[in-house]
Amino acid sequence: MKRRNPRARQQPDYYAKRARQEHFPARSVYKLQEIQKKFALIRKGQRVLDLGCAPGSWAKYAAGLIGDSGRLIGIDQKPVKEKLPAQVEIFCEDVRMLAEAPERCEALVGGLVDVVLSDMAPSTTGKKDVDQARSYYLSRAALTIAQRVLTPDGAFVCKIFQGEDVETFISDVKAAFNSCRTFKPQSTRKESKETYVIGLGKK
């Protein structure tokens, strides 16, 4: 039986190479492209909140969709080094802390938004149950913020690691939105346990 090369995971794949060629800082941009192609969530002139926006691929792609008349607010603990269009503003903040501070969150965002994006992932430990729990609590923080700042009929996209808490999270999204879908983009790595929960039409 052929052994898997332990270095294969570190080697650039098709999407990583394509991201470099198209001047995006990470391959994750193609996940959002697939989501956008299927659900058409982001439109010209909209206001978008990107949670966990570093290194900037989703923000850069979404900024192109909203155009000069739109605005994108990005939030991450890490600074974003990627050069982004003028309609993008990045804040270095802890999303979990913002979820617990309504006034600070609303002041930072500066009004209601049309779409909330979250591609956040926790620092992984290699322990499946621990990593899934951490992902769940990040997703809960994202949903809390989305419920606070989304305009009525707004849309929500959130990455979560598959596990026993996923169904609970989906139920909560269903309660807050008119429609809830799950989606795993083809550009997701085969070994990845992540999926995206998409809420359409905030109640």
N, C-alpha and C. Protein backbone atom coordinates (compact mmCIF):
# COMPACT_ATOMS: atom_id res chain seq x y z
N MET A 1 0.84 -1.18 0.00
CA MET A 1 0.00 0.00 0.00
C MET A 1 0.88 1.25 0.00
N LYS A 2 0.58 2.18 -0.87
CA LYS A 2 1.39 3.39 -1.01
C LYS A 2 1.12 4.33 0.15
N ARG A 3 2.21 4.77 0.77
CA ARG A 3 2.08 5.71 1.87
C ARG A 3 1.89 7.13 1.35
N ARG A 4 1.07 7.88 2.09
CA ARG A 4 0.85 9.27 1.72
C ARG A 4 2.05 10.10 2.14
N ASN A 5 2.50 10.94 1.25
CA ASN A 5 3.64 11.81 1.54
C ASN A 5 3.23 12.82 2.61
N PRO A 6 3.90 12.84 3.79
CA PRO A 6 3.52 13.77 4.85
C PRO A 6 3.70 15.23 4.49
N ARG A 7 4.49 15.49 3.44
CA ARG A 7 4.72 16.87 3.01
C ARG A 7 3.67 17.35 2.01
N ALA A 8 2.81 16.44 1.54
CA ALA A 8 1.85 16.79 0.50
C ALA A 8 0.91 17.89 0.95
N ARG A 9 0.53 17.88 2.24
CA ARG A 9 -0.42 18.87 2.75
C ARG A 9 0.16 20.28 2.67
N GLN A 10 1.50 20.39 2.79
CA GLN A 10 2.13 21.71 2.77
C GLN A 10 2.38 22.23 1.36
N GLN A 11 2.35 21.33 0.39
CA GLN A 11 2.67 21.73 -0.96
C GLN A 11 1.48 22.45 -1.60
N PRO A 12 1.75 23.52 -2.38
CA PRO A 12 0.67 24.28 -3.00
C PRO A 12 -0.16 23.41 -3.94
N ASP A 13 -1.48 23.51 -3.82
CA ASP A 13 -2.35 22.79 -4.72
C ASP A 13 -2.81 23.72 -5.84
N TYR A 14 -3.74 23.25 -6.65
CA TYR A 14 -4.22 24.03 -7.79
C TYR A 14 -4.75 25.39 -7.35
N TYR A 15 -5.59 25.41 -6.29
CA TYR A 15 -6.21 26.67 -5.87
C TYR A 15 -5.20 27.63 -5.25
N ALA A 16 -4.21 27.09 -4.54
CA ALA A 16 -3.18 27.95 -3.96
C ALA A 16 -2.35 28.61 -5.06
N LYS A 17 -2.01 27.84 -6.08
CA LYS A 17 -1.26 28.39 -7.20
C LYS A 17 -2.09 29.42 -7.97
N ARG A 18 -3.35 29.11 -8.14
CA ARG A 18 -4.24 30.03 -8.85
C ARG A 18 -4.39 31.35 -8.07
N ALA A 19 -4.49 31.24 -6.75
CA ALA A 19 -4.62 32.44 -5.92
C ALA A 19 -3.41 33.36 -6.09
N ARG A 20 -2.23 32.77 -6.14
CA ARG A 20 -1.02 33.58 -6.35
C ARG A 20 -1.05 34.25 -7.72
N GLN A 21 -1.46 33.50 -8.72
CA GLN A 21 -1.51 34.05 -10.08
C GLN A 21 -2.52 35.18 -10.19
N GLU A 22 -3.62 35.08 -9.45
CA GLU A 22 -4.68 36.09 -9.52
C GLU A 22 -4.56 37.14 -8.42
N HIS A 23 -3.44 37.10 -7.70
CA HIS A 23 -3.10 38.13 -6.70
C HIS A 23 -4.06 38.18 -5.53
N PHE A 24 -4.43 37.00 -5.04
CA PHE A 24 -5.17 36.89 -3.79
C PHE A 24 -4.24 36.27 -2.75
N PRO A 25 -4.33 36.70 -1.50
CA PRO A 25 -3.40 36.19 -0.49
C PRO A 25 -3.65 34.76 -0.03
N ALA A 26 -4.83 34.19 -0.33
CA ALA A 26 -5.12 32.82 0.12
C ALA A 26 -6.12 32.15 -0.82
N ARG A 27 -6.04 30.82 -0.85
CA ARG A 27 -6.91 30.01 -1.71
C ARG A 27 -8.38 30.07 -1.28
N SER A 28 -8.65 30.54 -0.08
CA SER A 28 -10.02 30.59 0.44
C SER A 28 -10.94 31.46 -0.41
N VAL A 29 -10.38 32.33 -1.22
CA VAL A 29 -11.21 33.20 -2.07
C VAL A 29 -12.14 32.39 -2.97
N TYR A 30 -11.70 31.22 -3.38
CA TYR A 30 -12.49 30.43 -4.32
C TYR A 30 -13.70 29.79 -3.64
N LYS A 31 -13.64 29.62 -2.32
CA LYS A 31 -14.81 29.15 -1.58
C LYS A 31 -15.91 30.21 -1.65
N LEU A 32 -15.52 31.47 -1.42
CA LEU A 32 -16.52 32.54 -1.48
C LEU A 32 -17.03 32.73 -2.91
N GLN A 33 -16.17 32.55 -3.88
CA GLN A 33 -16.62 32.65 -5.27
C GLN A 33 -17.69 31.60 -5.57
N GLU A 34 -17.49 30.38 -5.09
CA GLU A 34 -18.49 29.32 -5.30
C GLU A 34 -19.79 29.63 -4.57
N ILE A 35 -19.68 30.14 -3.36
CA ILE A 35 -20.87 30.52 -2.60
C ILE A 35 -21.63 31.63 -3.32
N GLN A 36 -20.89 32.62 -3.81
CA GLN A 36 -21.51 33.73 -4.52
C GLN A 36 -22.18 33.26 -5.81
N LYS A 37 -21.53 32.36 -6.53
CA LYS A 37 -22.09 31.85 -7.78
C LYS A 37 -23.41 31.10 -7.54
N LYS A 38 -23.48 30.38 -6.42
CA LYS A 38 -24.66 29.58 -6.13
C LYS A 38 -25.79 30.40 -5.52
N PHE A 39 -25.45 31.36 -4.65
CA PHE A 39 -26.48 32.05 -3.88
C PHE A 39 -26.63 33.53 -4.21
N ALA A 40 -25.67 34.12 -4.93
CA ALA A 40 -25.74 35.53 -5.34
C ALA A 40 -26.07 36.45 -4.17
N LEU A 41 -25.28 36.36 -3.12
CA LEU A 41 -25.57 37.09 -1.89
C LEU A 41 -25.11 38.54 -1.92
N ILE A 42 -24.01 38.80 -2.60
CA ILE A 42 -23.37 40.11 -2.55
C ILE A 42 -23.63 40.87 -3.84
N ARG A 43 -24.10 42.12 -3.69
CA ARG A 43 -24.43 42.92 -4.86
C ARG A 43 -23.81 44.32 -4.78
N LYS A 44 -23.78 44.96 -5.90
CA LYS A 44 -23.20 46.29 -5.99
C LYS A 44 -23.89 47.26 -5.03
N GLY A 45 -23.09 48.07 -4.36
CA GLY A 45 -23.60 49.10 -3.48
C GLY A 45 -23.94 48.64 -2.07
N GLN A 46 -23.77 47.36 -1.78
CA GLN A 46 -24.13 46.85 -0.47
C GLN A 46 -23.06 47.16 0.59
N ARG A 47 -23.48 47.00 1.86
CA ARG A 47 -22.56 47.08 2.99
C ARG A 47 -22.34 45.66 3.49
N VAL A 48 -21.07 45.27 3.63
CA VAL A 48 -20.70 43.90 3.98
C VAL A 48 -19.79 43.92 5.21
N LEU A 49 -20.02 42.99 6.12
CA LEU A 49 -19.15 42.80 7.28
C LEU A 49 -18.45 41.47 7.14
N ASP A 50 -17.12 41.49 7.17
CA ASP A 50 -16.29 40.30 6.99
C ASP A 50 -15.59 40.00 8.32
N LEU A 51 -16.06 38.98 9.02
CA LEU A 51 -15.50 38.59 10.31
C LEU A 51 -14.37 37.58 10.13
N GLY A 52 -13.24 37.84 10.78
CA GLY A 52 -12.08 36.97 10.59
C GLY A 52 -11.50 37.17 9.21
N CYS A 53 -11.30 38.43 8.83
CA CYS A 53 -11.02 38.77 7.43
C CYS A 53 -9.58 38.52 6.98
N ALA A 54 -8.64 38.36 7.91
CA ALA A 54 -7.24 38.12 7.49
C ALA A 54 -7.13 36.76 6.80
N PRO A 55 -6.29 36.63 5.78
CA PRO A 55 -5.34 37.62 5.27
C PRO A 55 -5.90 38.59 4.23
N GLY A 56 -7.20 38.52 3.94
CA GLY A 56 -7.80 39.53 3.08
C GLY A 56 -8.41 39.05 1.78
N SER A 57 -8.39 37.77 1.51
CA SER A 57 -8.91 37.27 0.22
C SER A 57 -10.40 37.51 0.06
N TRP A 58 -11.18 37.20 1.11
CA TRP A 58 -12.63 37.39 1.01
C TRP A 58 -12.95 38.88 0.89
N ALA A 59 -12.26 39.71 1.66
CA ALA A 59 -12.51 41.15 1.62
C ALA A 59 -12.20 41.72 0.24
N LYS A 60 -11.11 41.27 -0.35
CA LYS A 60 -10.71 41.77 -1.66
C LYS A 60 -11.72 41.36 -2.73
N TYR A 61 -12.16 40.11 -2.68
CA TYR A 61 -13.13 39.63 -3.67
C TYR A 61 -14.47 40.32 -3.48
N ALA A 62 -14.96 40.40 -2.25
CA ALA A 62 -16.25 41.02 -1.97
C ALA A 62 -16.24 42.50 -2.33
N ALA A 63 -15.11 43.17 -2.13
CA ALA A 63 -15.01 44.59 -2.48
C ALA A 63 -15.22 44.81 -3.97
N GLY A 64 -14.76 43.86 -4.77
CA GLY A 64 -14.98 43.96 -6.20
C GLY A 64 -16.44 43.81 -6.57
N LEU A 65 -17.18 43.03 -5.78
CA LEU A 65 -18.60 42.83 -6.05
C LEU A 65 -19.44 44.05 -5.65
N ILE A 66 -19.11 44.67 -4.53
CA ILE A 66 -19.91 45.80 -4.06
C ILE A 66 -19.55 47.10 -4.78
N GLY A 67 -18.34 47.17 -5.35
CA GLY A 67 -17.93 48.34 -6.12
C GLY A 67 -17.66 49.56 -5.25
N ASP A 68 -17.37 50.66 -5.91
CA ASP A 68 -17.01 51.90 -5.21
C ASP A 68 -18.15 52.45 -4.36
N SER A 69 -19.38 52.13 -4.72
CA SER A 69 -20.53 52.67 -3.99
C SER A 69 -20.87 51.86 -2.74
N GLY A 70 -20.22 50.73 -2.56
CA GLY A 70 -20.46 49.90 -1.38
C GLY A 70 -19.43 50.16 -0.30
N ARG A 71 -19.55 49.41 0.79
CA ARG A 71 -18.58 49.52 1.88
C ARG A 71 -18.41 48.16 2.52
N LEU A 72 -17.16 47.82 2.82
CA LEU A 72 -16.86 46.57 3.50
C LEU A 72 -16.08 46.86 4.77
N ILE A 73 -16.55 46.32 5.88
CA ILE A 73 -15.87 46.43 7.16
C ILE A 73 -15.29 45.06 7.48
N GLY A 74 -14.00 44.98 7.68
CA GLY A 74 -13.35 43.72 8.02
C GLY A 74 -12.86 43.75 9.46
N ILE A 75 -13.00 42.64 10.17
CA ILE A 75 -12.56 42.54 11.56
C ILE A 75 -11.74 41.28 11.75
N ASP A 76 -10.57 41.44 12.36
CA ASP A 76 -9.72 40.29 12.66
C ASP A 76 -8.74 40.68 13.76
N GLN A 77 -8.30 39.70 14.53
CA GLN A 77 -7.27 39.95 15.53
C GLN A 77 -5.93 40.26 14.88
N LYS A 78 -5.72 39.69 13.70
CA LYS A 78 -4.46 39.89 12.98
C LYS A 78 -4.59 41.04 11.99
N PRO A 79 -3.53 41.82 11.79
CA PRO A 79 -3.59 42.88 10.77
C PRO A 79 -3.63 42.28 9.37
N VAL A 80 -4.25 42.99 8.46
CA VAL A 80 -4.31 42.55 7.06
C VAL A 80 -3.27 43.34 6.27
N LYS A 81 -2.32 42.63 5.70
CA LYS A 81 -1.23 43.28 4.97
C LYS A 81 -1.58 43.52 3.51
N GLU A 82 -2.56 42.79 3.01
CA GLU A 82 -2.97 42.91 1.60
C GLU A 82 -3.48 44.32 1.32
N LYS A 83 -3.09 44.88 0.20
CA LYS A 83 -3.60 46.18 -0.20
C LYS A 83 -5.03 46.01 -0.71
N LEU A 84 -5.95 46.75 -0.10
CA LEU A 84 -7.37 46.60 -0.40
C LEU A 84 -7.94 47.90 -0.94
N PRO A 85 -9.04 47.83 -1.67
CA PRO A 85 -9.66 49.03 -2.25
C PRO A 85 -10.10 50.03 -1.18
N ALA A 86 -10.36 51.24 -1.62
CA ALA A 86 -10.70 52.33 -0.70
C ALA A 86 -11.99 52.09 0.06
N GLN A 87 -12.91 51.30 -0.49
CA GLN A 87 -14.20 51.06 0.17
C GLN A 87 -14.11 50.02 1.29
N VAL A 88 -12.89 49.55 1.58
CA VAL A 88 -12.68 48.55 2.63
C VAL A 88 -11.99 49.21 3.83
N GLU A 89 -12.53 48.92 5.02
CA GLU A 89 -11.93 49.41 6.26
C GLU A 89 -11.74 48.23 7.21
N ILE A 90 -10.52 48.06 7.71
CA ILE A 90 -10.18 46.92 8.55
C ILE A 90 -9.95 47.37 9.99
N PHE A 91 -10.50 46.60 10.94
CA PHE A 91 -10.29 46.87 12.36
C PHE A 91 -9.68 45.63 13.03
N CYS A 92 -8.68 45.85 13.87
CA CYS A 92 -8.08 44.76 14.63
C CYS A 92 -8.83 44.61 15.95
N GLU A 93 -9.70 43.63 16.01
CA GLU A 93 -10.55 43.39 17.18
C GLU A 93 -10.77 41.89 17.33
N ASP A 94 -11.13 41.47 18.54
CA ASP A 94 -11.50 40.09 18.82
C ASP A 94 -13.01 39.94 18.61
N VAL A 95 -13.40 39.14 17.64
CA VAL A 95 -14.82 38.97 17.32
C VAL A 95 -15.60 38.44 18.52
N ARG A 96 -14.99 37.55 19.30
CA ARG A 96 -15.68 37.00 20.48
C ARG A 96 -15.98 38.09 21.50
N MET A 97 -15.06 39.01 21.67
CA MET A 97 -15.28 40.12 22.60
C MET A 97 -16.37 41.06 22.07
N LEU A 98 -16.38 41.30 20.76
CA LEU A 98 -17.40 42.16 20.17
C LEU A 98 -18.80 41.58 20.31
N ALA A 99 -18.88 40.25 20.24
CA ALA A 99 -20.18 39.60 20.39
C ALA A 99 -20.77 39.85 21.78
N GLU A 100 -19.90 40.10 22.74
CA GLU A 100 -20.33 40.34 24.12
C GLU A 100 -20.44 41.83 24.43
N ALA A 101 -20.13 42.68 23.46
CA ALA A 101 -20.15 44.13 23.68
C ALA A 101 -20.99 44.81 22.60
N PRO A 102 -22.31 44.78 22.73
CA PRO A 102 -23.20 45.30 21.67
C PRO A 102 -22.90 46.73 21.24
N GLU A 103 -22.69 47.62 22.19
CA GLU A 103 -22.46 49.03 21.85
C GLU A 103 -21.16 49.20 21.07
N ARG A 104 -20.11 48.51 21.50
CA ARG A 104 -18.82 48.59 20.81
C ARG A 104 -18.96 48.02 19.40
N CYS A 105 -19.64 46.91 19.27
CA CYS A 105 -19.83 46.27 17.97
C CYS A 105 -20.58 47.18 17.01
N GLU A 106 -21.68 47.74 17.46
CA GLU A 106 -22.51 48.59 16.60
C GLU A 106 -21.79 49.87 16.21
N ALA A 107 -20.99 50.41 17.15
CA ALA A 107 -20.23 51.62 16.84
C ALA A 107 -19.16 51.34 15.79
N LEU A 108 -18.54 50.18 15.89
CA LEU A 108 -17.48 49.80 14.96
C LEU A 108 -18.03 49.61 13.55
N VAL A 109 -19.15 48.91 13.46
CA VAL A 109 -19.74 48.63 12.16
C VAL A 109 -20.38 49.88 11.56
N GLY A 110 -20.91 50.73 12.40
CA GLY A 110 -21.44 52.01 11.92
C GLY A 110 -22.76 51.92 11.20
N GLY A 111 -23.65 51.07 11.66
CA GLY A 111 -24.96 50.94 11.02
C GLY A 111 -25.22 49.53 10.56
N LEU A 112 -26.37 49.30 9.99
CA LEU A 112 -26.74 47.97 9.53
C LEU A 112 -25.99 47.60 8.26
N VAL A 113 -25.81 46.29 8.06
CA VAL A 113 -25.14 45.78 6.86
C VAL A 113 -26.07 44.81 6.15
N ASP A 114 -25.78 44.57 4.88
CA ASP A 114 -26.61 43.68 4.06
C ASP A 114 -26.17 42.22 4.13
N VAL A 115 -24.87 42.01 4.35
CA VAL A 115 -24.31 40.66 4.37
C VAL A 115 -23.26 40.57 5.47
N VAL A 116 -23.29 39.47 6.23
CA VAL A 116 -22.23 39.17 7.19
C VAL A 116 -21.54 37.89 6.74
N LEU A 117 -20.24 37.97 6.58
CA LEU A 117 -19.42 36.83 6.18
C LEU A 117 -18.54 36.41 7.34
N SER A 118 -18.39 35.12 7.56
CA SER A 118 -17.46 34.62 8.57
C SER A 118 -16.74 33.39 8.05
N ASP A 119 -15.46 33.56 7.81
CA ASP A 119 -14.62 32.41 7.43
C ASP A 119 -13.67 32.08 8.58
N MET A 120 -14.10 32.42 9.79
CA MET A 120 -13.24 32.22 10.96
C MET A 120 -13.01 30.75 11.25
N ALA A 121 -11.79 30.46 11.69
CA ALA A 121 -11.45 29.11 12.15
C ALA A 121 -10.58 29.25 13.40
N PRO A 122 -10.74 28.36 14.36
CA PRO A 122 -9.95 28.44 15.59
C PRO A 122 -8.53 27.94 15.38
N SER A 123 -7.67 28.26 16.31
CA SER A 123 -6.35 27.63 16.35
C SER A 123 -6.57 26.16 16.67
N THR A 124 -6.12 25.28 15.80
CA THR A 124 -6.43 23.86 15.97
C THR A 124 -5.41 23.16 16.87
N THR A 125 -5.89 22.15 17.57
CA THR A 125 -5.06 21.40 18.51
C THR A 125 -4.73 20.00 18.00
N GLY A 126 -5.49 19.56 16.97
CA GLY A 126 -5.36 18.19 16.51
C GLY A 126 -6.33 17.26 17.22
N LYS A 127 -6.98 17.76 18.28
CA LYS A 127 -8.00 16.99 18.97
C LYS A 127 -9.36 17.36 18.39
N LYS A 128 -9.99 16.41 17.75
CA LYS A 128 -11.20 16.67 16.97
C LYS A 128 -12.29 17.36 17.78
N ASP A 129 -12.59 16.83 18.97
CA ASP A 129 -13.69 17.39 19.76
C ASP A 129 -13.38 18.81 20.25
N VAL A 130 -12.12 19.06 20.59
CA VAL A 130 -11.71 20.40 21.05
C VAL A 130 -11.82 21.40 19.90
N ASP A 131 -11.31 21.01 18.73
CA ASP A 131 -11.34 21.92 17.58
C ASP A 131 -12.78 22.20 17.15
N GLN A 132 -13.64 21.19 17.18
CA GLN A 132 -15.04 21.39 16.82
C GLN A 132 -15.75 22.32 17.79
N ALA A 133 -15.44 22.17 19.08
CA ALA A 133 -16.05 23.03 20.10
C ALA A 133 -15.60 24.48 19.91
N ARG A 134 -14.33 24.67 19.63
CA ARG A 134 -13.82 26.03 19.41
C ARG A 134 -14.46 26.66 18.18
N SER A 135 -14.61 25.87 17.13
CA SER A 135 -15.25 26.37 15.91
C SER A 135 -16.70 26.75 16.19
N TYR A 136 -17.38 25.93 16.99
CA TYR A 136 -18.78 26.22 17.32
C TYR A 136 -18.92 27.55 18.04
N TYR A 137 -18.05 27.81 19.00
CA TYR A 137 -18.16 29.06 19.77
C TYR A 137 -17.81 30.28 18.92
N LEU A 138 -16.90 30.12 17.97
CA LEU A 138 -16.63 31.22 17.03
C LEU A 138 -17.86 31.47 16.15
N SER A 139 -18.48 30.40 15.71
CA SER A 139 -19.68 30.52 14.87
C SER A 139 -20.82 31.17 15.64
N ARG A 140 -20.95 30.82 16.92
CA ARG A 140 -21.97 31.44 17.76
C ARG A 140 -21.74 32.94 17.87
N ALA A 141 -20.47 33.34 18.02
CA ALA A 141 -20.14 34.77 18.10
C ALA A 141 -20.52 35.47 16.80
N ALA A 142 -20.22 34.83 15.68
CA ALA A 142 -20.56 35.40 14.37
C ALA A 142 -22.07 35.56 14.22
N LEU A 143 -22.83 34.55 14.64
CA LEU A 143 -24.28 34.62 14.53
C LEU A 143 -24.85 35.71 15.43
N THR A 144 -24.31 35.84 16.62
CA THR A 144 -24.76 36.90 17.54
C THR A 144 -24.58 38.28 16.91
N ILE A 145 -23.42 38.49 16.30
CA ILE A 145 -23.15 39.77 15.64
C ILE A 145 -24.07 39.96 14.44
N ALA A 146 -24.26 38.90 13.67
CA ALA A 146 -25.12 38.98 12.49
C ALA A 146 -26.55 39.37 12.88
N GLN A 147 -27.05 38.79 13.95
CA GLN A 147 -28.41 39.11 14.39
C GLN A 147 -28.51 40.57 14.84
N ARG A 148 -27.39 41.11 15.28
CA ARG A 148 -27.37 42.47 15.80
C ARG A 148 -27.26 43.52 14.70
N VAL A 149 -26.49 43.23 13.65
CA VAL A 149 -26.16 44.29 12.67
C VAL A 149 -26.74 44.07 11.28
N LEU A 150 -27.33 42.90 11.04
CA LEU A 150 -27.89 42.65 9.70
C LEU A 150 -29.21 43.39 9.50
N THR A 151 -29.37 43.95 8.32
CA THR A 151 -30.64 44.54 7.94
C THR A 151 -31.68 43.45 7.76
N PRO A 152 -32.97 43.76 7.95
CA PRO A 152 -34.00 42.76 7.66
C PRO A 152 -33.85 42.22 6.23
N ASP A 153 -33.96 40.92 6.09
CA ASP A 153 -33.77 40.22 4.81
C ASP A 153 -32.30 40.08 4.43
N GLY A 154 -31.38 40.41 5.35
CA GLY A 154 -29.95 40.28 5.07
C GLY A 154 -29.50 38.83 5.04
N ALA A 155 -28.24 38.61 4.62
CA ALA A 155 -27.71 37.25 4.45
C ALA A 155 -26.49 37.02 5.34
N PHE A 156 -26.28 35.76 5.69
CA PHE A 156 -25.23 35.36 6.63
C PHE A 156 -24.53 34.13 6.08
N VAL A 157 -23.18 34.16 6.06
CA VAL A 157 -22.38 33.02 5.63
C VAL A 157 -21.38 32.71 6.74
N CYS A 158 -21.37 31.46 7.22
CA CYS A 158 -20.51 31.13 8.35
C CYS A 158 -19.88 29.75 8.20
N LYS A 159 -18.55 29.70 8.33
CA LYS A 159 -17.85 28.42 8.33
C LYS A 159 -17.92 27.79 9.72
N ILE A 160 -18.10 26.48 9.75
CA ILE A 160 -18.09 25.74 11.01
C ILE A 160 -17.52 24.36 10.76
N PHE A 161 -16.80 23.83 11.74
CA PHE A 161 -16.28 22.47 11.63
C PHE A 161 -17.40 21.48 11.93
N GLN A 162 -17.48 20.43 11.13
CA GLN A 162 -18.53 19.43 11.31
C GLN A 162 -18.33 18.69 12.63
N GLY A 163 -19.43 18.50 13.34
CA GLY A 163 -19.39 17.81 14.64
C GLY A 163 -20.77 17.79 15.24
N GLU A 164 -20.85 17.38 16.49
CA GLU A 164 -22.15 17.20 17.14
C GLU A 164 -22.89 18.52 17.36
N ASP A 165 -22.17 19.64 17.38
CA ASP A 165 -22.81 20.93 17.62
C ASP A 165 -23.38 21.57 16.35
N VAL A 166 -23.06 21.01 15.19
CA VAL A 166 -23.48 21.64 13.94
C VAL A 166 -25.00 21.72 13.82
N GLU A 167 -25.69 20.66 14.18
CA GLU A 167 -27.15 20.66 14.06
C GLU A 167 -27.79 21.70 14.97
N THR A 168 -27.21 21.91 16.14
CA THR A 168 -27.70 22.95 17.04
C THR A 168 -27.52 24.32 16.40
N PHE A 169 -26.36 24.53 15.80
CA PHE A 169 -26.08 25.80 15.16
C PHE A 169 -27.03 26.03 13.97
N ILE A 170 -27.24 25.01 13.17
CA ILE A 170 -28.15 25.12 12.03
C ILE A 170 -29.55 25.47 12.50
N SER A 171 -29.99 24.84 13.58
CA SER A 171 -31.32 25.14 14.12
C SER A 171 -31.44 26.60 14.53
N ASP A 172 -30.37 27.15 15.11
CA ASP A 172 -30.38 28.55 15.52
C ASP A 172 -30.41 29.48 14.31
N VAL A 173 -29.71 29.11 13.26
CA VAL A 173 -29.73 29.91 12.03
C VAL A 173 -31.12 29.85 11.40
N LYS A 174 -31.72 28.68 11.40
CA LYS A 174 -33.08 28.53 10.86
C LYS A 174 -34.07 29.41 11.61
N ALA A 175 -33.87 29.54 12.92
CA ALA A 175 -34.78 30.35 13.73
C ALA A 175 -34.63 31.84 13.44
N ALA A 176 -33.45 32.24 12.97
CA ALA A 176 -33.18 33.67 12.75
C ALA A 176 -33.38 34.10 11.30
N PHE A 177 -33.45 33.14 10.38
CA PHE A 177 -33.55 33.46 8.95
C PHE A 177 -34.70 32.70 8.30
N ASN A 178 -35.18 33.24 7.21
CA ASN A 178 -36.28 32.60 6.48
C ASN A 178 -35.86 31.29 5.83
N SER A 179 -34.58 31.19 5.49
CA SER A 179 -34.07 29.98 4.84
C SER A 179 -32.65 29.71 5.32
N CYS A 180 -32.31 28.44 5.47
CA CYS A 180 -30.97 28.05 5.89
C CYS A 180 -30.48 26.93 4.99
N ARG A 181 -29.26 27.09 4.48
CA ARG A 181 -28.67 26.08 3.60
C ARG A 181 -27.28 25.73 4.11
N THR A 182 -26.83 24.52 3.82
CA THR A 182 -25.44 24.15 4.08
C THR A 182 -24.76 23.90 2.74
N PHE A 183 -23.48 24.20 2.68
CA PHE A 183 -22.78 24.13 1.40
C PHE A 183 -21.30 23.86 1.65
N LYS A 184 -20.74 22.92 0.92
CA LYS A 184 -19.30 22.65 1.00
C LYS A 184 -18.70 22.89 -0.39
N PRO A 185 -17.98 23.99 -0.57
CA PRO A 185 -17.41 24.31 -1.88
C PRO A 185 -16.44 23.23 -2.38
N GLN A 186 -16.37 23.07 -3.66
CA GLN A 186 -15.45 22.10 -4.26
C GLN A 186 -13.99 22.46 -3.98
N SER A 187 -13.73 23.75 -3.77
CA SER A 187 -12.36 24.20 -3.52
C SER A 187 -11.90 23.93 -2.09
N THR A 188 -12.80 23.41 -1.24
CA THR A 188 -12.40 23.01 0.11
C THR A 188 -11.47 21.80 0.02
N ARG A 189 -10.43 21.79 0.82
CA ARG A 189 -9.52 20.64 0.81
C ARG A 189 -10.28 19.36 1.17
N LYS A 190 -9.93 18.27 0.52
CA LYS A 190 -10.65 17.01 0.70
C LYS A 190 -10.66 16.55 2.15
N GLU A 191 -9.55 16.77 2.84
CA GLU A 191 -9.45 16.29 4.22
C GLU A 191 -10.12 17.22 5.23
N SER A 192 -10.58 18.37 4.76
CA SER A 192 -11.17 19.36 5.67
C SER A 192 -12.55 18.92 6.17
N LYS A 193 -12.82 19.21 7.44
CA LYS A 193 -14.11 18.89 8.04
C LYS A 193 -15.03 20.11 8.11
N GLU A 194 -14.67 21.17 7.40
CA GLU A 194 -15.47 22.39 7.46
C GLU A 194 -16.65 22.35 6.50
N THR A 195 -17.66 23.09 6.85
CA THR A 195 -18.80 23.32 5.96
C THR A 195 -19.28 24.74 6.19
N TYR A 196 -20.13 25.23 5.30
CA TYR A 196 -20.64 26.59 5.43
C TYR A 196 -22.15 26.55 5.66
N VAL A 197 -22.58 27.29 6.64
CA VAL A 197 -24.00 27.44 6.93
C VAL A 197 -24.42 28.81 6.43
N ILE A 198 -25.48 28.86 5.64
CA ILE A 198 -25.88 30.10 4.97
C ILE A 198 -27.32 30.43 5.35
N GLY A 199 -27.48 31.60 5.96
CA GLY A 199 -28.79 32.07 6.32
C GLY A 199 -29.26 33.12 5.32
N LEU A 200 -30.45 32.95 4.80
CA LEU A 200 -31.00 33.85 3.78
C LEU A 200 -32.28 34.51 4.30
N GLY A 201 -32.33 35.82 4.23
CA GLY A 201 -33.52 36.54 4.65
C GLY A 201 -33.65 36.64 6.15
N LYS A 202 -32.88 37.51 6.77
CA LYS A 202 -32.97 37.67 8.22
C LYS A 202 -34.38 38.09 8.62
N LYS A 203 -34.91 37.43 9.63
CA LYS A 203 -36.26 37.73 10.10
C LYS A 203 -36.25 39.03 10.89
